[in-house]
């Protein structure tokens, strides 16, 4: 693959599943800002928790080629 950035859950700097660390690295911002934003969205309506779960399912982990959802689909499709 090319040398461009890839959106993926990071192993280094993770607190839970690496979603915020991965987004922060991809966007070039501090992961703590994303964590605070998700916390605020969770408190005011619960959207932050849903967004985090979706990102966890759709973003591949660092070093992996497929996300959790892709692995489930491929497993069931074979």
Protein backbone atom coordinates (compact mmCIF):
# COMPACT_ATOMS: atom_id res chain seq x y z
CA UNK A 1 0.00 0.00 0.00
CA UNK A 2 0.96 3.64 -0.24
CA UNK A 3 2.67 5.63 2.45
CA UNK A 4 -0.38 7.73 3.30
CA UNK A 5 -2.14 7.93 6.63
CA UNK A 6 -4.47 5.13 7.60
CA UNK A 7 -7.34 5.45 10.06
CA UNK A 8 -6.78 2.67 12.58
CA UNK A 9 -7.09 1.99 16.30
CA UNK A 10 -3.71 2.58 17.90
CA UNK A 11 -2.00 0.27 20.37
CA UNK A 12 0.25 2.96 21.82
CA UNK A 13 -1.57 5.66 23.74
CA UNK A 14 -4.82 3.75 24.10
CA UNK A 15 -6.96 3.94 27.19
CA UNK A 16 -9.71 1.53 26.14
CA UNK A 17 -9.69 0.32 22.54
CA UNK A 18 -7.44 2.87 20.82
CA UNK A 19 -10.22 4.70 18.96
CA UNK A 20 -9.41 8.19 20.25
CA UNK A 21 -5.66 7.65 19.88
CA UNK A 22 -6.19 6.52 16.29
CA UNK A 23 -8.49 9.42 15.43
CA UNK A 24 -6.12 11.90 17.06
CA UNK A 25 -3.16 10.55 15.12
CA UNK A 26 -5.10 10.55 11.85
CA UNK A 27 -6.43 14.10 12.33
CA UNK A 28 -3.22 15.44 13.86
CA UNK A 29 -4.82 16.53 17.13
CA UNK A 30 -4.48 15.48 20.76
CA UNK A 31 -6.47 12.32 21.53
CA UNK A 32 -7.59 13.90 24.82
CA UNK A 33 -9.60 16.50 22.89
CA UNK A 34 -11.47 13.68 21.15
CA UNK A 35 -11.99 11.91 24.49
CA UNK A 36 -13.47 15.07 26.02
CA UNK A 37 -15.71 15.59 22.99
CA UNK A 38 -17.01 12.03 23.17
CA UNK A 39 -17.57 12.35 26.91
CA UNK A 40 -19.62 15.53 26.41
CA UNK A 41 -21.64 13.88 23.63
CA UNK A 42 -22.24 10.87 25.89
CA UNK A 43 -23.47 13.03 28.77
CA UNK A 44 -25.77 15.06 26.53
CA UNK A 45 -27.76 12.44 24.66
CA UNK A 46 -25.56 9.35 24.61
CA UNK A 47 -24.32 9.85 21.05
CA UNK A 48 -20.66 9.76 22.13
CA UNK A 49 -20.89 6.18 23.39
CA UNK A 50 -22.63 5.09 20.19
CA UNK A 51 -20.03 6.86 18.05
CA UNK A 52 -17.22 5.20 20.02
CA UNK A 53 -18.75 1.73 19.60
CA UNK A 54 -19.24 2.28 15.87
CA UNK A 55 -15.67 3.52 15.46
CA UNK A 56 -14.35 0.50 17.41
CA UNK A 57 -16.28 -1.87 15.13
CA UNK A 58 -15.36 -0.12 11.87
CA UNK A 59 -11.72 0.88 12.46
CA UNK A 60 -9.12 -1.87 12.08
CA UNK A 61 -6.59 -2.25 14.87
CA UNK A 62 -3.04 -1.12 14.16
CA UNK A 63 -1.28 -3.84 12.20
CA UNK A 64 -4.53 -5.54 11.14
CA UNK A 65 -5.93 -5.42 7.62
CA UNK A 66 -9.63 -5.68 8.53
CA UNK A 67 -11.98 -4.22 11.12
CA UNK A 68 -14.08 -6.25 13.55
CA UNK A 69 -17.10 -5.90 11.25
CA UNK A 70 -15.12 -6.96 8.18
CA UNK A 71 -13.84 -10.05 10.02
CA UNK A 72 -17.38 -11.03 11.06
CA UNK A 73 -18.73 -10.54 7.53
CA UNK A 74 -15.87 -12.50 5.97
CA UNK A 75 -16.26 -15.31 8.51
CA UNK A 76 -19.98 -15.63 7.84
CA UNK A 77 -19.60 -15.18 4.09
CA UNK A 78 -17.30 -18.19 3.63
